[in-house]
Structures are given as structure tokens and as C-alpha cells.
């Protein structure tokens, strides 16, 4: 099992930056990929960024060049650095991983970008 706990959300203004953290505990050695998703109010949950165990990354087109996903702290913390933020980035952000057939999600952290 894996436990994921997000933090770092808050209220920022357009153009500002924010860094989200996801503390990872449990069966971390079997993690192959980590993800950040986001879900605006009343909308579906979308994939924002992916980090593979080889360091490859993928991003939602609308955040490319502004967001960066990476892992640090002996690989036990996943980060999402968000720069030049826009009101459309407003959402609850979740980290996620998959081990075998089991999906693990954090509880989410709210990010609000004011115009």
C-alpha cells in the first residue's frame, strides 16, 4: 500500500507561482509512475503531469512550459511547481500512483488563481 498526502495549495494571483507537494509513504519501491491530476469545480478530473520511474515527463498542453513535475527528498516527495499561473488553473489538485491494479490517490489540495 501507498499513502499520498498533498499540501501547498492556496490562493494566488494571475502570474504568480505555487509549489505543490505530495508526501509518499508505504510501498514506495514498487512505484513506477507518479501523476498530478486536477479537477475544477463541476468538471472532470484531468491529467496534468506524469513522471515515470526513468525520469520521463509528460504535461497537459495548456501547462507545458509553466508547470514542472519532479521528485526529491530521497524520492519520498513529489512536487508540482506551477509558474505564471492563470485563473483556468483553479482546481483541486491530486497526486496519484498505480501499483499493479491498484490506484492510489491523495486527498487533494485546493488551488485558486484570482484574476
C-alpha atoms as a PDB file:
ATOM      1  CA  UNK A   1       0.000   0.000   0.000  1.00  0.00           C
ATOM      2  CA  UNK A   2       0.935   3.612  -0.575  1.00  0.00           C
ATOM      3  CA  UNK A   3      -0.222   6.751   1.174  1.00  0.00           C
ATOM      4  CA  UNK A   4      -0.198  10.112  -0.602  1.00  0.00           C
ATOM      5  CA  UNK A   5      -0.705  13.425   1.184  1.00  0.00           C
ATOM      6  CA  UNK A   6      -0.814  16.670  -0.802  1.00  0.00           C
ATOM      7  CA  UNK A   7      -0.075  20.142   0.534  1.00  0.00           C
ATOM      8  CA  UNK A   8       0.843  23.585  -0.700  1.00  0.00           C
ATOM      9  CA  UNK A   9      -2.404  24.738  -2.221  1.00  0.00           C
ATOM     10  CA  UNK A  10      -3.764  28.216  -1.699  1.00  0.00           C
ATOM     11  CA  UNK A  11      -4.854  31.466  -3.268  1.00  0.00           C
ATOM     12  CA  UNK A  12      -2.547  33.248  -5.725  1.00  0.00           C
ATOM     13  CA  UNK A  13      -2.940  35.992  -8.289  1.00  0.00           C
ATOM     14  CA  UNK A  14      -2.546  35.651 -12.036  1.00  0.00           C
ATOM     15  CA  UNK A  15       1.111  35.385 -12.995  1.00  0.00           C
ATOM     16  CA  UNK A  16       2.273  34.181  -9.599  1.00  0.00           C
ATOM     17  CA  UNK A  17       3.822  30.812  -8.718  1.00  0.00           C
ATOM     18  CA  UNK A  18       2.932  27.976  -6.371  1.00  0.00           C
ATOM     19  CA  UNK A  19       4.580  24.667  -5.486  1.00  0.00           C
ATOM     20  CA  UNK A  20       2.508  21.651  -4.503  1.00  0.00           C
ATOM     21  CA  UNK A  21       3.960  18.764  -2.522  1.00  0.00           C
ATOM     22  CA  UNK A  22       2.855  15.155  -2.253  1.00  0.00           C
ATOM     23  CA  UNK A  23       4.380  13.151   0.587  1.00  0.00           C
ATOM     24  CA  UNK A  24       4.701   9.476  -0.362  1.00  0.00           C
ATOM     25  CA  UNK A  25       4.867   6.667   2.197  1.00  0.00           C
ATOM     26  CA  UNK A  26       4.402   2.924   2.216  1.00  0.00           C
ATOM     27  CA  UNK A  27       5.429   0.638  -0.640  1.00  0.00           C
ATOM     28  CA  UNK A  28       7.425   3.301  -2.477  1.00  0.00           C
ATOM     29  CA  UNK A  29       9.864   0.842  -4.059  1.00  0.00           C
ATOM     30  CA  UNK A  30       7.123  -0.539  -6.328  1.00  0.00           C
ATOM     31  CA  UNK A  31       6.078   2.838  -7.684  1.00  0.00           C
ATOM     32  CA  UNK A  32       6.683   3.093 -11.441  1.00  0.00           C
ATOM     33  CA  UNK A  33       4.989   6.385 -12.248  1.00  0.00           C
ATOM     34  CA  UNK A  34       3.539   9.350 -10.422  1.00  0.00           C
ATOM     35  CA  UNK A  35       0.906  11.771 -11.612  1.00  0.00           C
ATOM     36  CA  UNK A  36      -0.690  15.095 -10.817  1.00  0.00           C
ATOM     37  CA  UNK A  37      -4.352  15.479 -11.728  1.00  0.00           C
ATOM     38  CA  UNK A  38      -6.677  18.419 -11.260  1.00  0.00           C
ATOM     39  CA  UNK A  39     -10.429  18.808 -11.066  1.00  0.00           C
ATOM     40  CA  UNK A  40     -12.114  22.179 -11.464  1.00  0.00           C
ATOM     41  CA  UNK A  41     -15.444  22.560  -9.710  1.00  0.00           C
ATOM     42  CA  UNK A  42     -18.184  20.840 -11.702  1.00  0.00           C
ATOM     43  CA  UNK A  43     -15.727  19.359 -14.193  1.00  0.00           C
ATOM     44  CA  UNK A  44     -13.921  16.094 -14.761  1.00  0.00           C
ATOM     45  CA  UNK A  45     -10.565  15.204 -13.285  1.00  0.00           C
ATOM     46  CA  UNK A  46      -7.789  15.695 -15.850  1.00  0.00           C
ATOM     47  CA  UNK A  47      -4.184  14.547 -16.001  1.00  0.00           C
ATOM     48  CA  UNK A  48      -1.825  17.489 -15.614  1.00  0.00           C
ATOM     49  CA  UNK A  49       1.614  15.879 -15.443  1.00  0.00           C
ATOM     50  CA  UNK A  50       3.257  12.479 -15.356  1.00  0.00           C
ATOM     51  CA  UNK A  51       6.661  11.401 -14.056  1.00  0.00           C
ATOM     52  CA  UNK A  52       7.965   7.939 -14.923  1.00  0.00           C
ATOM     53  CA  UNK A  53      10.475   5.956 -12.881  1.00  0.00           C
ATOM     54  CA  UNK A  54      13.079   6.739 -15.576  1.00  0.00           C
ATOM     55  CA  UNK A  55      12.523  10.467 -15.221  1.00  0.00           C
ATOM     56  CA  UNK A  56      10.427  10.989 -18.333  1.00  0.00           C
ATOM     57  CA  UNK A  57       7.748  13.629 -18.036  1.00  0.00           C
ATOM     58  CA  UNK A  58       4.550  14.489 -19.901  1.00  0.00           C
ATOM     59  CA  UNK A  59       2.317  17.503 -19.475  1.00  0.00           C
ATOM     60  CA  UNK A  60      -1.134  18.700 -20.368  1.00  0.00           C
ATOM     61  CA  UNK A  61      -0.705  21.011 -23.355  1.00  0.00           C
ATOM     62  CA  UNK A  62      -2.098  24.015 -21.531  1.00  0.00           C
ATOM     63  CA  UNK A  63       0.536  23.806 -18.774  1.00  0.00           C
ATOM     64  CA  UNK A  64       3.614  22.971 -20.863  1.00  0.00           C
ATOM     65  CA  UNK A  65       6.378  25.454 -20.186  1.00  0.00           C
ATOM     66  CA  UNK A  66       4.686  26.654 -16.985  1.00  0.00           C
ATOM     67  CA  UNK A  67       4.435  23.554 -14.774  1.00  0.00           C
ATOM     68  CA  UNK A  68       7.186  21.173 -13.734  1.00  0.00           C
ATOM     69  CA  UNK A  69       6.819  17.762 -12.061  1.00  0.00           C
ATOM     70  CA  UNK A  70       9.724  16.289 -10.124  1.00  0.00           C
ATOM     71  CA  UNK A  71      10.590  14.084  -7.195  1.00  0.00           C
ATOM     72  CA  UNK A  72      13.006  14.768  -4.356  1.00  0.00           C
ATOM     73  CA  UNK A  73      13.731  14.087  -0.683  1.00  0.00           C
ATOM     74  CA  UNK A  74      15.074  10.583  -1.319  1.00  0.00           C
ATOM     75  CA  UNK A  75      12.181  10.142  -3.739  1.00  0.00           C
ATOM     76  CA  UNK A  76       9.586  10.408  -0.997  1.00  0.00           C
ATOM     77  CA  UNK A  77       8.144  13.727  -2.102  1.00  0.00           C
ATOM     78  CA  UNK A  78       6.543  14.542  -5.428  1.00  0.00           C
ATOM     79  CA  UNK A  79       6.343  18.192  -6.427  1.00  0.00           C
ATOM     80  CA  UNK A  80       4.438  20.248  -8.944  1.00  0.00           C
ATOM     81  CA  UNK A  81       5.955  23.673  -9.490  1.00  0.00           C
ATOM     82  CA  UNK A  82       3.468  25.980 -11.172  1.00  0.00           C
ATOM     83  CA  UNK A  83       4.639  29.260 -12.697  1.00  0.00           C
ATOM     84  CA  UNK A  84       2.790  32.047 -14.479  1.00  0.00           C
ATOM     85  CA  UNK A  85      -0.482  30.790 -13.138  1.00  0.00           C
ATOM     86  CA  UNK A  86      -3.823  31.571 -14.745  1.00  0.00           C
ATOM     87  CA  UNK A  87      -7.420  31.554 -13.491  1.00  0.00           C
ATOM     88  CA  UNK A  88      -8.065  28.418 -15.600  1.00  0.00           C
ATOM     89  CA  UNK A  89      -5.580  26.601 -13.341  1.00  0.00           C
ATOM     90  CA  UNK A  90      -8.062  26.890 -10.470  1.00  0.00           C
ATOM     91  CA  UNK A  91      -8.911  23.362  -9.306  1.00  0.00           C
ATOM     92  CA  UNK A  92      -8.393  20.744  -6.660  1.00  0.00           C
ATOM     93  CA  UNK A  93      -5.046  19.099  -7.377  1.00  0.00           C
ATOM     94  CA  UNK A  94      -4.451  15.426  -6.641  1.00  0.00           C
ATOM     95  CA  UNK A  95      -1.376  13.225  -6.783  1.00  0.00           C
ATOM     96  CA  UNK A  96      -1.794   9.637  -7.904  1.00  0.00           C
ATOM     97  CA  UNK A  97       0.162   6.450  -8.420  1.00  0.00           C
ATOM     98  CA  UNK A  98      -0.602   2.906  -9.527  1.00  0.00           C
ATOM     99  CA  UNK A  99       0.884  -0.302  -8.165  1.00  0.00           C
ATOM    100  CA  UNK A 100      -0.317  -3.377 -10.016  1.00  0.00           C
ATOM    101  CA  UNK A 101      -4.070  -2.910 -10.470  1.00  0.00           C
ATOM    102  CA  UNK A 102      -4.486  -0.586  -7.503  1.00  0.00           C
ATOM    103  CA  UNK A 103      -4.791   3.171  -7.911  1.00  0.00           C
ATOM    104  CA  UNK A 104      -3.801   5.400  -5.025  1.00  0.00           C
ATOM    105  CA  UNK A 105      -4.954   8.992  -4.652  1.00  0.00           C
ATOM    106  CA  UNK A 106      -4.213  11.733  -2.198  1.00  0.00           C
ATOM    107  CA  UNK A 107      -6.967  13.780  -0.593  1.00  0.00           C
ATOM    108  CA  UNK A 108      -6.387  16.788  -2.845  1.00  0.00           C
ATOM    109  CA  UNK A 109      -5.363  20.384  -2.265  1.00  0.00           C
ATOM    110  CA  UNK A 110      -7.278  23.427  -3.485  1.00  0.00           C
ATOM    111  CA  UNK A 111      -5.561  25.905  -5.780  1.00  0.00           C
ATOM    112  CA  UNK A 112      -7.310  29.154  -6.615  1.00  0.00           C
ATOM    113  CA  UNK A 113      -5.930  31.723  -9.069  1.00  0.00           C
ATOM    114  CA  UNK A 114      -7.560  35.133  -8.970  1.00  0.00           C
ATOM    115  CA  UNK A 115      -7.628  37.455 -11.973  1.00  0.00           C
END
